[in-house]
């Protein structure tokens, strides 16, 4: 029992020493406000809040959101392939893909797929 308590004390001392050592040698700068400021969508948090931003940024976000929802719809369709009526599955998945492809061509025709930096 004494050996166990001595080991516990020794482990606590080693852990305390390691924690103090890491605090001493860490290179934290207390006055570095830029690292502690919130980062919102690439905008400078110190600038004026009502500055206009590019509508292209907003459109890229909407495109990403559409394709993100697409993935959440396609994955259950793959799992539902085991149903008895395969023709229903084929028609619904083909219709969904055709709608997505038409949407991509529509975005492409409006030049929304061109990345502007």
PDB file of N, CA and C in Angstrom:
ATOM      1  N   UNK A   1       0.822  -1.196   0.000  1.00  0.00           N
ATOM      2  CA  UNK A   1       0.000   0.000   0.000  1.00  0.00           C
ATOM      3  C   UNK A   1       0.866   1.260   0.000  1.00  0.00           C
ATOM      4  N   UNK A   2       1.950   1.190   0.715  1.00  0.00           N
ATOM      5  CA  UNK A   2       2.858   2.336   0.778  1.00  0.00           C
ATOM      6  C   UNK A   2       3.533   2.533  -0.579  1.00  0.00           C
ATOM      7  N   UNK A   3       3.869   1.442  -1.227  1.00  0.00           N
ATOM      8  CA  UNK A   3       4.515   1.535  -2.538  1.00  0.00           C
ATOM      9  C   UNK A   3       3.559   2.154  -3.559  1.00  0.00           C
ATOM     10  N   UNK A   4       2.307   1.778  -3.470  1.00  0.00           N
ATOM     11  CA  UNK A   4       1.299   2.328  -4.387  1.00  0.00           C
ATOM     12  C   UNK A   4       1.123   3.829  -4.171  1.00  0.00           C
ATOM     13  N   UNK A   5       1.090   4.264  -2.924  1.00  0.00           N
ATOM     14  CA  UNK A   5       0.943   5.695  -2.636  1.00  0.00           C
ATOM     15  C   UNK A   5       2.189   6.467  -3.062  1.00  0.00           C
ATOM     16  N   UNK A   6       3.379   5.868  -2.891  1.00  0.00           N
ATOM     17  CA  UNK A   6       4.605   6.528  -3.343  1.00  0.00           C
ATOM     18  C   UNK A   6       4.649   6.644  -4.862  1.00  0.00           C
ATOM     19  N   UNK A   7       4.191   5.625  -5.542  1.00  0.00           N
ATOM     20  CA  UNK A   7       4.126   5.688  -7.004  1.00  0.00           C
ATOM     21  C   UNK A   7       3.153   6.768  -7.467  1.00  0.00           C
ATOM     22  N   UNK A   8       2.026   6.873  -6.769  1.00  0.00           N
ATOM     23  CA  UNK A   8       1.042   7.891  -7.105  1.00  0.00           C
ATOM     24  C   UNK A   8       1.632   9.286  -6.930  1.00  0.00           C
ATOM     25  N   UNK A   9       2.335   9.512  -5.844  1.00  0.00           N
ATOM     26  CA  UNK A   9       2.957  10.812  -5.584  1.00  0.00           C
ATOM     27  C   UNK A   9       4.041  11.104  -6.626  1.00  0.00           C
ATOM     28  N   UNK A  10       4.827  10.089  -6.964  1.00  0.00           N
ATOM     29  CA  UNK A  10       5.872  10.256  -7.966  1.00  0.00           C
ATOM     30  C   UNK A  10       5.276  10.607  -9.335  1.00  0.00           C
ATOM     31  N   UNK A  11       4.199   9.943  -9.704  1.00  0.00           N
ATOM     32  CA  UNK A  11       3.540  10.235 -10.973  1.00  0.00           C
ATOM     33  C   UNK A  11       2.978  11.652 -10.985  1.00  0.00           C
ATOM     34  N   UNK A  12       2.375  12.074  -9.894  1.00  0.00           N
ATOM     35  CA  UNK A  12       1.864  13.443  -9.801  1.00  0.00           C
ATOM     36  C   UNK A  12       2.984  14.467  -9.913  1.00  0.00           C
ATOM     37  N   UNK A  13       4.114  14.196  -9.305  1.00  0.00           N
ATOM     38  CA  UNK A  13       5.248  15.120  -9.383  1.00  0.00           C
ATOM     39  C   UNK A  13       5.789  15.197 -10.810  1.00  0.00           C
ATOM     40  N   UNK A  14       5.885  14.065 -11.483  1.00  0.00           N
ATOM     41  CA  UNK A  14       6.375  14.060 -12.864  1.00  0.00           C
ATOM     42  C   UNK A  14       5.413  14.813 -13.778  1.00  0.00           C
ATOM     43  N   UNK A  15       4.118  14.574 -13.596  1.00  0.00           N
ATOM     44  CA  UNK A  15       3.129  15.267 -14.419  1.00  0.00           C
ATOM     45  C   UNK A  15       3.152  16.772 -14.180  1.00  0.00           C
ATOM     46  N   UNK A  16       3.287  17.165 -12.934  1.00  0.00           N
ATOM     47  CA  UNK A  16       3.350  18.588 -12.609  1.00  0.00           C
ATOM     48  C   UNK A  16       4.583  19.232 -13.221  1.00  0.00           C
ATOM     49  N   UNK A  17       5.709  18.556 -13.140  1.00  0.00           N
ATOM     50  CA  UNK A  17       6.939  19.080 -13.736  1.00  0.00           C
ATOM     51  C   UNK A  17       6.816  19.203 -15.254  1.00  0.00           C
ATOM     52  N   UNK A  18       6.218  18.207 -15.908  1.00  0.00           N
ATOM     53  CA  UNK A  18       6.044  18.272 -17.350  1.00  0.00           C
ATOM     54  C   UNK A  18       5.099  19.396 -17.766  1.00  0.00           C
ATOM     55  N   UNK A  19       4.037  19.592 -17.008  1.00  0.00           N
ATOM     56  CA  UNK A  19       3.110  20.676 -17.322  1.00  0.00           C
ATOM     57  C   UNK A  19       3.770  22.037 -17.144  1.00  0.00           C
ATOM     58  N   UNK A  20       4.518  22.215 -16.054  1.00  0.00           N
ATOM     59  CA  UNK A  20       5.213  23.481 -15.839  1.00  0.00           C
ATOM     60  C   UNK A  20       6.266  23.717 -16.919  1.00  0.00           C
ATOM     61  N   UNK A  21       6.969  22.677 -17.300  1.00  0.00           N
ATOM     62  CA  UNK A  21       7.982  22.794 -18.340  1.00  0.00           C
ATOM     63  C   UNK A  21       7.354  23.186 -19.674  1.00  0.00           C
ATOM     64  N   UNK A  22       6.216  22.601 -20.014  1.00  0.00           N
ATOM     65  CA  UNK A  22       5.560  22.957 -21.277  1.00  0.00           C
ATOM     66  C   UNK A  22       5.030  24.385 -21.250  1.00  0.00           C
ATOM     67  N   UNK A  23       4.576  24.854 -20.106  1.00  0.00           N
ATOM     68  CA  UNK A  23       4.101  26.231 -20.007  1.00  0.00           C
ATOM     69  C   UNK A  23       5.263  27.205 -20.150  1.00  0.00           C
ATOM     70  N   UNK A  24       6.406  26.858 -19.578  1.00  0.00           N
ATOM     71  CA  UNK A  24       7.566  27.750 -19.630  1.00  0.00           C
ATOM     72  C   UNK A  24       8.120  27.863 -21.046  1.00  0.00           C
ATOM     73  N   UNK A  25       8.211  26.751 -21.762  1.00  0.00           N
ATOM     74  CA  UNK A  25       8.837  26.803 -23.085  1.00  0.00           C
ATOM     75  C   UNK A  25       7.871  27.111 -24.216  1.00  0.00           C
ATOM     76  N   UNK A  26       6.585  27.195 -23.941  1.00  0.00           N
ATOM     77  CA  UNK A  26       5.635  27.505 -25.016  1.00  0.00           C
ATOM     78  C   UNK A  26       5.819  28.947 -25.459  1.00  0.00           C
ATOM     79  N   UNK A  27       5.544  29.192 -26.732  1.00  0.00           N
ATOM     80  CA  UNK A  27       5.752  30.520 -27.302  1.00  0.00           C
ATOM     81  C   UNK A  27       4.425  31.228 -27.505  1.00  0.00           C
ATOM     82  N   UNK A  28       3.661  31.330 -26.478  1.00  0.00           N
ATOM     83  CA  UNK A  28       2.396  32.047 -26.586  1.00  0.00           C
ATOM     84  C   UNK A  28       2.646  33.543 -26.450  1.00  0.00           C
ATOM     85  N   UNK A  29       1.971  34.282 -27.296  1.00  0.00           N
ATOM     86  CA  UNK A  29       2.037  35.727 -27.203  1.00  0.00           C
ATOM     87  C   UNK A  29       0.686  36.216 -26.704  1.00  0.00           C
ATOM     88  N   UNK A  30       0.681  36.817 -25.584  1.00  0.00           N
ATOM     89  CA  UNK A  30      -0.572  37.284 -24.987  1.00  0.00           C
ATOM     90  C   UNK A  30      -1.171  38.415 -25.815  1.00  0.00           C
ATOM     91  N   UNK A  31      -0.313  39.221 -26.431  1.00  0.00           N
ATOM     92  CA  UNK A  31      -0.794  40.409 -27.130  1.00  0.00           C
ATOM     93  C   UNK A  31      -1.091  40.147 -28.607  1.00  0.00           C
ATOM     94  N   UNK A  32      -1.115  38.921 -29.022  1.00  0.00           N
ATOM     95  CA  UNK A  32      -1.419  38.602 -30.409  1.00  0.00           C
ATOM     96  C   UNK A  32      -2.937  38.473 -30.568  1.00  0.00           C
ATOM     97  N   UNK A  33      -3.588  39.597 -30.809  1.00  0.00           N
ATOM     98  CA  UNK A  33      -5.049  39.618 -30.864  1.00  0.00           C
ATOM     99  C   UNK A  33      -5.605  38.954 -32.116  1.00  0.00           C
ATOM    100  N   UNK A  34      -4.813  38.929 -33.168  1.00  0.00           N
ATOM    101  CA  UNK A  34      -5.321  38.379 -34.419  1.00  0.00           C
ATOM    102  C   UNK A  34      -5.617  36.888 -34.316  1.00  0.00           C
ATOM    103  N   UNK A  35      -4.861  36.174 -33.518  1.00  0.00           N
ATOM    104  CA  UNK A  35      -5.106  34.749 -33.354  1.00  0.00           C
ATOM    105  C   UNK A  35      -6.345  34.485 -32.503  1.00  0.00           C
ATOM    106  N   UNK A  36      -6.674  35.393 -31.628  1.00  0.00           N
ATOM    107  CA  UNK A  36      -7.823  35.191 -30.751  1.00  0.00           C
ATOM    108  C   UNK A  36      -9.105  35.809 -31.291  1.00  0.00           C
ATOM    109  N   UNK A  37      -9.024  36.492 -32.432  1.00  0.00           N
ATOM    110  CA  UNK A  37     -10.215  37.106 -32.995  1.00  0.00           C
ATOM    111  C   UNK A  37     -10.985  36.077 -33.817  1.00  0.00           C
ATOM    112  N   UNK A  38     -12.292  36.241 -33.942  1.00  0.00           N
ATOM    113  CA  UNK A  38     -13.074  35.283 -34.740  1.00  0.00           C
ATOM    114  C   UNK A  38     -12.752  35.450 -36.223  1.00  0.00           C
ATOM    115  N   UNK A  39     -12.748  34.345 -36.919  1.00  0.00           N
ATOM    116  CA  UNK A  39     -12.460  34.352 -38.357  1.00  0.00           C
ATOM    117  C   UNK A  39     -13.747  34.015 -39.083  1.00  0.00           C
ATOM    118  N   UNK A  40     -14.274  34.970 -39.810  1.00  0.00           N
ATOM    119  CA  UNK A  40     -15.556  34.792 -40.480  1.00  0.00           C
ATOM    120  C   UNK A  40     -15.392  34.895 -41.981  1.00  0.00           C
ATOM    121  N   UNK A  41     -15.401  33.803 -42.663  1.00  0.00           N
ATOM    122  CA  UNK A  41     -15.502  33.728 -44.124  1.00  0.00           C
ATOM    123  C   UNK A  41     -14.449  34.538 -44.860  1.00  0.00           C
ATOM    124  N   UNK A  42     -13.277  34.681 -44.303  1.00  0.00           N
ATOM    125  CA  UNK A  42     -12.210  35.378 -44.989  1.00  0.00           C
ATOM    126  C   UNK A  42     -12.274  36.887 -44.883  1.00  0.00           C
ATOM    127  N   UNK A  43     -13.210  37.427 -44.124  1.00  0.00           N
ATOM    128  CA  UNK A  43     -13.296  38.864 -43.963  1.00  0.00           C
ATOM    129  C   UNK A  43     -12.458  39.299 -42.771  1.00  0.00           C
ATOM    130  N   UNK A  44     -11.878  40.457 -42.874  1.00  0.00           N
ATOM    131  CA  UNK A  44     -11.069  40.994 -41.784  1.00  0.00           C
ATOM    132  C   UNK A  44     -11.996  41.440 -40.660  1.00  0.00           C
ATOM    133  N   UNK A  45     -11.823  40.893 -39.450  1.00  0.00           N
ATOM    134  CA  UNK A  45     -12.748  41.260 -38.369  1.00  0.00           C
ATOM    135  C   UNK A  45     -12.554  42.685 -37.864  1.00  0.00           C
ATOM    136  N   UNK A  46     -11.455  43.321 -38.216  1.00  0.00           N
ATOM    137  CA  UNK A  46     -11.201  44.679 -37.734  1.00  0.00           C
ATOM    138  C   UNK A  46     -11.724  45.748 -38.694  1.00  0.00           C
ATOM    139  N   UNK A  47     -12.221  45.337 -39.849  1.00  0.00           N
ATOM    140  CA  UNK A  47     -12.705  46.314 -40.820  1.00  0.00           C
ATOM    141  C   UNK A  47     -14.158  46.687 -40.508  1.00  0.00           C
ATOM    142  N   UNK A  48     -14.658  47.595 -41.301  1.00  0.00           N
ATOM    143  CA  UNK A  48     -16.045  48.055 -41.141  1.00  0.00           C
ATOM    144  C   UNK A  48     -16.998  46.905 -41.449  1.00  0.00           C
ATOM    145  N   UNK A  49     -18.022  46.725 -40.639  1.00  0.00           N
ATOM    146  CA  UNK A  49     -18.888  45.555 -40.753  1.00  0.00           C
ATOM    147  C   UNK A  49     -19.856  45.623 -41.926  1.00  0.00           C
ATOM    148  N   UNK A  50     -20.136  46.781 -42.435  1.00  0.00           N
ATOM    149  CA  UNK A  50     -21.127  46.914 -43.506  1.00  0.00           C
ATOM    150  C   UNK A  50     -20.495  47.042 -44.892  1.00  0.00           C
ATOM    151  N   UNK A  51     -19.261  46.590 -45.053  1.00  0.00           N
ATOM    152  CA  UNK A  51     -18.655  46.651 -46.385  1.00  0.00           C
ATOM    153  C   UNK A  51     -19.304  45.609 -47.290  1.00  0.00           C
ATOM    154  N   UNK A  52     -19.566  45.969 -48.529  1.00  0.00           N
ATOM    155  CA  UNK A  52     -20.197  44.993 -49.439  1.00  0.00           C
ATOM    156  C   UNK A  52     -19.223  43.891 -49.821  1.00  0.00           C
ATOM    157  N   UNK A  53     -19.741  42.697 -50.010  1.00  0.00           N
ATOM    158  CA  UNK A  53     -18.905  41.589 -50.465  1.00  0.00           C
ATOM    159  C   UNK A  53     -19.407  41.120 -51.821  1.00  0.00           C
ATOM    160  N   UNK A  54     -18.576  40.362 -52.476  1.00  0.00           N
ATOM    161  CA  UNK A  54     -18.882  39.916 -53.833  1.00  0.00           C
ATOM    162  C   UNK A  54     -20.071  38.957 -53.822  1.00  0.00           C
ATOM    163  N   UNK A  55     -20.981  39.157 -54.736  1.00  0.00           N
ATOM    164  CA  UNK A  55     -22.129  38.264 -54.860  1.00  0.00           C
ATOM    165  C   UNK A  55     -21.679  36.903 -55.358  1.00  0.00           C
ATOM    166  N   UNK A  56     -20.524  36.869 -56.018  1.00  0.00           N
ATOM    167  CA  UNK A  56     -19.974  35.595 -56.492  1.00  0.00           C
ATOM    168  C   UNK A  56     -19.667  34.672 -55.312  1.00  0.00           C
ATOM    169  N   UNK A  57     -19.196  35.235 -54.216  1.00  0.00           N
ATOM    170  CA  UNK A  57     -18.944  34.455 -52.996  1.00  0.00           C
ATOM    171  C   UNK A  57     -20.246  33.811 -52.503  1.00  0.00           C
ATOM    172  N   UNK A  58     -21.318  34.550 -52.517  1.00  0.00           N
ATOM    173  CA  UNK A  58     -22.610  34.039 -52.085  1.00  0.00           C
ATOM    174  C   UNK A  58     -23.100  32.932 -53.009  1.00  0.00           C
ATOM    175  N   UNK A  59     -22.929  33.084 -54.310  1.00  0.00           N
ATOM    176  CA  UNK A  59     -23.389  32.087 -55.270  1.00  0.00           C
ATOM    177  C   UNK A  59     -22.594  30.791 -55.133  1.00  0.00           C
ATOM    178  N   UNK A  60     -21.297  30.894 -54.914  1.00  0.00           N
ATOM    179  CA  UNK A  60     -20.475  29.691 -54.695  1.00  0.00           C
ATOM    180  C   UNK A  60     -20.961  28.960 -53.447  1.00  0.00           C
ATOM    181  N   UNK A  61     -21.344  29.686 -52.427  1.00  0.00           N
ATOM    182  CA  UNK A  61     -21.871  29.071 -51.209  1.00  0.00           C
ATOM    183  C   UNK A  61     -23.169  28.327 -51.493  1.00  0.00           C
ATOM    184  N   UNK A  62     -24.043  28.910 -52.276  1.00  0.00           N
ATOM    185  CA  UNK A  62     -25.307  28.258 -52.627  1.00  0.00           C
ATOM    186  C   UNK A  62     -25.056  26.997 -53.443  1.00  0.00           C
ATOM    187  N   UNK A  63     -24.107  27.065 -54.388  1.00  0.00           N
ATOM    188  CA  UNK A  63     -23.777  25.880 -55.192  1.00  0.00           C
ATOM    189  C   UNK A  63     -23.263  24.765 -54.292  1.00  0.00           C
ATOM    190  N   UNK A  64     -22.385  25.116 -53.362  1.00  0.00           N
ATOM    191  CA  UNK A  64     -21.869  24.112 -52.431  1.00  0.00           C
ATOM    192  C   UNK A  64     -22.998  23.501 -51.614  1.00  0.00           C
ATOM    193  N   UNK A  65     -23.929  24.324 -51.172  1.00  0.00           N
ATOM    194  CA  UNK A  65     -25.049  23.829 -50.376  1.00  0.00           C
ATOM    195  C   UNK A  65     -25.918  22.865 -51.179  1.00  0.00           C
ATOM    196  N   UNK A  66     -26.142  23.167 -52.449  1.00  0.00           N
ATOM    197  CA  UNK A  66     -26.948  22.279 -53.295  1.00  0.00           C
ATOM    198  C   UNK A  66     -26.279  20.925 -53.434  1.00  0.00           C
ATOM    199  N   UNK A  67     -24.973  20.912 -53.692  1.00  0.00           N
ATOM    200  CA  UNK A  67     -24.293  19.642 -53.880  1.00  0.00           C
ATOM    201  C   UNK A  67     -24.106  18.895 -52.567  1.00  0.00           C
ATOM    202  N   UNK A  68     -24.093  19.609 -51.465  1.00  0.00           N
ATOM    203  CA  UNK A  68     -24.045  18.952 -50.164  1.00  0.00           C
ATOM    204  C   UNK A  68     -25.356  18.226 -49.883  1.00  0.00           C
ATOM    205  N   UNK A  69     -26.468  18.855 -50.214  1.00  0.00           N
ATOM    206  CA  UNK A  69     -27.768  18.211 -50.047  1.00  0.00           C
ATOM    207  C   UNK A  69     -27.903  17.043 -51.018  1.00  0.00           C
ATOM    208  N   UNK A  70     -27.316  17.182 -52.201  1.00  0.00           N
ATOM    209  CA  UNK A  70     -27.357  16.103 -53.182  1.00  0.00           C
ATOM    210  C   UNK A  70     -26.728  14.833 -52.622  1.00  0.00           C
ATOM    211  N   UNK A  71     -25.623  14.956 -51.955  1.00  0.00           N
ATOM    212  CA  UNK A  71     -24.956  13.781 -51.385  1.00  0.00           C
ATOM    213  C   UNK A  71     -25.833  13.138 -50.321  1.00  0.00           C
ATOM    214  N   UNK A  72     -26.498  13.947 -49.528  1.00  0.00           N
ATOM    215  CA  UNK A  72     -27.350  13.371 -48.486  1.00  0.00           C
ATOM    216  C   UNK A  72     -28.600  12.707 -49.067  1.00  0.00           C
ATOM    217  N   UNK A  73     -28.941  13.016 -50.299  1.00  0.00           N
ATOM    218  CA  UNK A  73     -30.068  12.346 -50.947  1.00  0.00           C
ATOM    219  C   UNK A  73     -29.610  11.093 -51.690  1.00  0.00           C
ATOM    220  N   UNK A  74     -28.429  11.154 -52.301  1.00  0.00           N
ATOM    221  CA  UNK A  74     -27.943  10.017 -53.085  1.00  0.00           C
ATOM    222  C   UNK A  74     -27.590   8.828 -52.194  1.00  0.00           C
ATOM    223  N   UNK A  75     -26.993   9.059 -51.047  1.00  0.00           N
ATOM    224  CA  UNK A  75     -26.580   7.939 -50.195  1.00  0.00           C
ATOM    225  C   UNK A  75     -27.744   7.042 -49.767  1.00  0.00           C
ATOM    226  N   UNK A  76     -28.879   7.573 -49.332  1.00  0.00           N
ATOM    227  CA  UNK A  76     -30.002   6.671 -49.038  1.00  0.00           C
ATOM    228  C   UNK A  76     -30.571   5.982 -50.275  1.00  0.00           C
ATOM    229  N   UNK A  77     -30.412   6.614 -51.443  1.00  0.00           N
ATOM    230  CA  UNK A  77     -30.885   5.957 -52.665  1.00  0.00           C
ATOM    231  C   UNK A  77     -30.075   4.701 -52.953  1.00  0.00           C
ATOM    232  N   UNK A  78     -28.798   4.744 -52.649  1.00  0.00           N
ATOM    233  CA  UNK A  78     -27.957   3.566 -52.855  1.00  0.00           C
ATOM    234  C   UNK A  78     -28.377   2.452 -51.901  1.00  0.00           C
ATOM    235  N   UNK A  79     -28.693   2.812 -50.675  1.00  0.00           N
ATOM    236  CA  UNK A  79     -29.109   1.808 -49.708  1.00  0.00           C
ATOM    237  C   UNK A  79     -30.491   1.242 -50.028  1.00  0.00           C
ATOM    238  N   UNK A  80     -31.324   2.030 -50.689  1.00  0.00           N
ATOM    239  CA  UNK A  80     -32.674   1.559 -51.015  1.00  0.00           C
ATOM    240  C   UNK A  80     -32.717   0.724 -52.284  1.00  0.00           C
ATOM    241  N   UNK A  81     -31.582   0.391 -52.854  1.00  0.00           N
ATOM    242  CA  UNK A  81     -31.538  -0.431 -54.062  1.00  0.00           C
ATOM    243  C   UNK A  81     -32.070  -1.836 -53.811  1.00  0.00           C
ATOM    244  N   UNK A  82     -32.108  -2.240 -52.551  1.00  0.00           N
ATOM    245  CA  UNK A  82     -32.534  -3.597 -52.214  1.00  0.00           C
ATOM    246  C   UNK A  82     -34.054  -3.783 -52.232  1.00  0.00           C
ATOM    247  N   UNK A  83     -34.785  -2.739 -52.575  1.00  0.00           N
ATOM    248  CA  UNK A  83     -36.247  -2.880 -52.608  1.00  0.00           C
ATOM    249  C   UNK A  83     -36.660  -3.762 -53.778  1.00  0.00           C
ATOM    250  N   UNK A  84     -37.868  -4.262 -53.736  1.00  0.00           N
ATOM    251  CA  UNK A  84     -38.349  -5.202 -54.760  1.00  0.00           C
ATOM    252  C   UNK A  84     -38.586  -4.538 -56.106  1.00  0.00           C
ATOM    253  N   UNK A  85     -39.088  -3.317 -56.089  1.00  0.00           N
ATOM    254  CA  UNK A  85     -39.428  -2.644 -57.336  1.00  0.00           C
ATOM    255  C   UNK A  85     -38.207  -1.874 -57.846  1.00  0.00           C
ATOM    256  N   UNK A  86     -37.381  -2.522 -58.637  1.00  0.00           N
ATOM    257  CA  UNK A  86     -36.157  -1.907 -59.140  1.00  0.00           C
ATOM    258  C   UNK A  86     -36.441  -0.841 -60.197  1.00  0.00           C
ATOM    259  N   UNK A  87     -37.547  -0.948 -60.907  1.00  0.00           N
ATOM    260  CA  UNK A  87     -37.894   0.035 -61.930  1.00  0.00           C
ATOM    261  C   UNK A  87     -38.186   1.397 -61.288  1.00  0.00           C
ATOM    262  N   UNK A  88     -38.880   1.397 -60.142  1.00  0.00           N
ATOM    263  CA  UNK A  88     -39.147   2.638 -59.411  1.00  0.00           C
ATOM    264  C   UNK A  88     -37.836   3.282 -58.971  1.00  0.00           C
ATOM    265  N   UNK A  89     -36.901   2.470 -58.466  1.00  0.00           N
ATOM    266  CA  UNK A  89     -35.611   2.987 -58.026  1.00  0.00           C
ATOM    267  C   UNK A  89     -34.849   3.572 -59.210  1.00  0.00           C
ATOM    268  N   UNK A  90     -34.876   2.890 -60.335  1.00  0.00           N
ATOM    269  CA  UNK A  90     -34.157   3.356 -61.525  1.00  0.00           C
ATOM    270  C   UNK A  90     -34.725   4.677 -62.028  1.00  0.00           C
ATOM    271  N   UNK A  91     -36.040   4.791 -62.092  1.00  0.00           N
ATOM    272  CA  UNK A  91     -36.672   6.009 -62.592  1.00  0.00           C
ATOM    273  C   UNK A  91     -36.410   7.182 -61.654  1.00  0.00           C
ATOM    274  N   UNK A  92     -36.548   6.976 -60.348  1.00  0.00           N
ATOM    275  CA  UNK A  92     -36.357   8.082 -59.404  1.00  0.00           C
ATOM    276  C   UNK A  92     -34.904   8.540 -59.365  1.00  0.00           C
ATOM    277  N   UNK A  93     -33.956   7.602 -59.393  1.00  0.00           N
ATOM    278  CA  UNK A  93     -32.546   8.011 -59.358  1.00  0.00           C
ATOM    279  C   UNK A  93     -32.132   8.676 -60.665  1.00  0.00           C
ATOM    280  N   UNK A  94     -32.648   8.188 -61.799  1.00  0.00           N
ATOM    281  CA  UNK A  94     -32.328   8.812 -63.077  1.00  0.00           C
ATOM    282  C   UNK A  94     -32.915  10.215 -63.164  1.00  0.00           C
ATOM    283  N   UNK A  95     -34.149  10.388 -62.705  1.00  0.00           N
ATOM    284  CA  UNK A  95     -34.775  11.708 -62.704  1.00  0.00           C
ATOM    285  C   UNK A  95     -33.998  12.684 -61.822  1.00  0.00           C
ATOM    286  N   UNK A  96     -33.558  12.222 -60.676  1.00  0.00           N
ATOM    287  CA  UNK A  96     -32.785  13.068 -59.775  1.00  0.00           C
ATOM    288  C   UNK A  96     -31.467  13.491 -60.426  1.00  0.00           C
ATOM    289  N   UNK A  97     -30.782  12.547 -61.059  1.00  0.00           N
ATOM    290  CA  UNK A  97     -29.513  12.866 -61.716  1.00  0.00           C
ATOM    291  C   UNK A  97     -29.723  13.812 -62.900  1.00  0.00           C
ATOM    292  N   UNK A  98     -30.792  13.632 -63.658  1.00  0.00           N
ATOM    293  CA  UNK A  98     -31.067  14.513 -64.796  1.00  0.00           C
ATOM    294  C   UNK A  98     -31.323  15.936 -64.310  1.00  0.00           C
ATOM    295  N   UNK A  99     -32.069  16.082 -63.230  1.00  0.00           N
ATOM    296  CA  UNK A  99     -32.323  17.417 -62.674  1.00  0.00           C
ATOM    297  C   UNK A  99     -31.017  18.068 -62.231  1.00  0.00           C
ATOM    298  N   UNK A 100     -30.134  17.298 -61.600  1.00  0.00           N
ATOM    299  CA  UNK A 100     -28.841  17.851 -61.187  1.00  0.00           C
ATOM    300  C   UNK A 100     -27.980  18.249 -62.376  1.00  0.00           C
ATOM    301  N   UNK A 101     -27.959  17.428 -63.408  1.00  0.00           N
ATOM    302  CA  UNK A 101     -27.150  17.747 -64.587  1.00  0.00           C
ATOM    303  C   UNK A 101     -27.697  18.983 -65.300  1.00  0.00           C
ATOM    304  N   UNK A 102     -29.011  19.110 -65.370  1.00  0.00           N
ATOM    305  CA  UNK A 102     -29.607  20.317 -65.964  1.00  0.00           C
ATOM    306  C   UNK A 102     -29.228  21.549 -65.137  1.00  0.00           C
ATOM    307  N   UNK A 103     -29.232  21.399 -63.813  1.00  0.00           N
ATOM    308  CA  UNK A 103     -28.830  22.507 -62.946  1.00  0.00           C
ATOM    309  C   UNK A 103     -27.377  22.906 -63.138  1.00  0.00           C
ATOM    310  N   UNK A 104     -26.504  21.916 -63.324  1.00  0.00           N
ATOM    311  CA  UNK A 104     -25.093  22.225 -63.558  1.00  0.00           C
ATOM    312  C   UNK A 104     -24.915  22.965 -64.881  1.00  0.00           C
ATOM    313  N   UNK A 105     -25.605  22.499 -65.929  1.00  0.00           N
ATOM    314  CA  UNK A 105     -25.500  23.187 -67.221  1.00  0.00           C
ATOM    315  C   UNK A 105     -26.099  24.590 -67.160  1.00  0.00           C
ATOM    316  N   UNK A 106     -27.141  24.781 -66.378  1.00  0.00           N
ATOM    317  CA  UNK A 106     -27.721  26.120 -66.215  1.00  0.00           C
ATOM    318  C   UNK A 106     -26.739  27.053 -65.514  1.00  0.00           C
ATOM    319  N   UNK A 107     -26.092  26.563 -64.437  1.00  0.00           N
ATOM    320  CA  UNK A 107     -25.088  27.367 -63.753  1.00  0.00           C
ATOM    321  C   UNK A 107     -23.905  27.657 -64.663  1.00  0.00           C
ATOM    322  N   UNK A 108     -23.537  26.694 -65.478  1.00  0.00           N
ATOM    323  CA  UNK A 108     -22.431  26.874 -66.402  1.00  0.00           C
ATOM    324  C   UNK A 108     -22.780  27.919 -67.471  1.00  0.00           C
ATOM    325  N   UNK A 109     -24.032  27.913 -67.930  1.00  0.00           N
ATOM    326  CA  UNK A 109     -24.437  28.891 -68.947  1.00  0.00           C
ATOM    327  C   UNK A 109     -24.466  30.313 -68.394  1.00  0.00           C
ATOM    328  N   UNK A 110     -24.686  30.455 -67.096  1.00  0.00           N
ATOM    329  CA  UNK A 110     -24.676  31.784 -66.471  1.00  0.00           C
ATOM    330  C   UNK A 110     -23.280  32.205 -66.017  1.00  0.00           C
ATOM    331  N   UNK A 111     -22.257  31.380 -66.338  1.00  0.00           N
ATOM    332  CA  UNK A 111     -20.861  31.626 -65.947  1.00  0.00           C
ATOM    333  C   UNK A 111     -20.685  31.694 -64.434  1.00  0.00           C
ATOM    334  N   UNK A 112     -21.455  30.915 -63.707  1.00  0.00           N
ATOM    335  CA  UNK A 112     -21.307  30.857 -62.256  1.00  0.00           C
ATOM    336  C   UNK A 112     -20.220  29.884 -61.834  1.00  0.00           C
ATOM    337  N   UNK A 113     -19.783  29.039 -62.754  1.00  0.00           N
ATOM    338  CA  UNK A 113     -18.762  28.054 -62.419  1.00  0.00           C
ATOM    339  C   UNK A 113     -17.354  28.596 -62.569  1.00  0.00           C
ATOM    340  N   UNK A 114     -17.201  29.810 -63.094  1.00  0.00           N
ATOM    341  CA  UNK A 114     -15.885  30.428 -63.242  1.00  0.00           C
ATOM    342  C   UNK A 114     -15.443  30.972 -61.898  1.00  0.00           C
ATOM    343  N   UNK A 115     -14.277  30.571 -61.453  1.00  0.00           N
ATOM    344  CA  UNK A 115     -13.747  31.038 -60.166  1.00  0.00           C
ATOM    345  C   UNK A 115     -13.042  32.356 -60.384  1.00  0.00           C
ATOM    346  N   UNK A 116     -13.445  33.348 -59.618  1.00  0.00           N
ATOM    347  CA  UNK A 116     -12.823  34.680 -59.705  1.00  0.00           C
ATOM    348  C   UNK A 116     -12.151  34.960 -58.373  1.00  0.00           C
ATOM    349  N   UNK A 117     -10.894  35.328 -58.465  1.00  0.00           N
ATOM    350  CA  UNK A 117     -10.159  35.636 -57.221  1.00  0.00           C
ATOM    351  C   UNK A 117      -9.759  37.074 -57.208  1.00  0.00           C
TER     352      UNK A 117
END
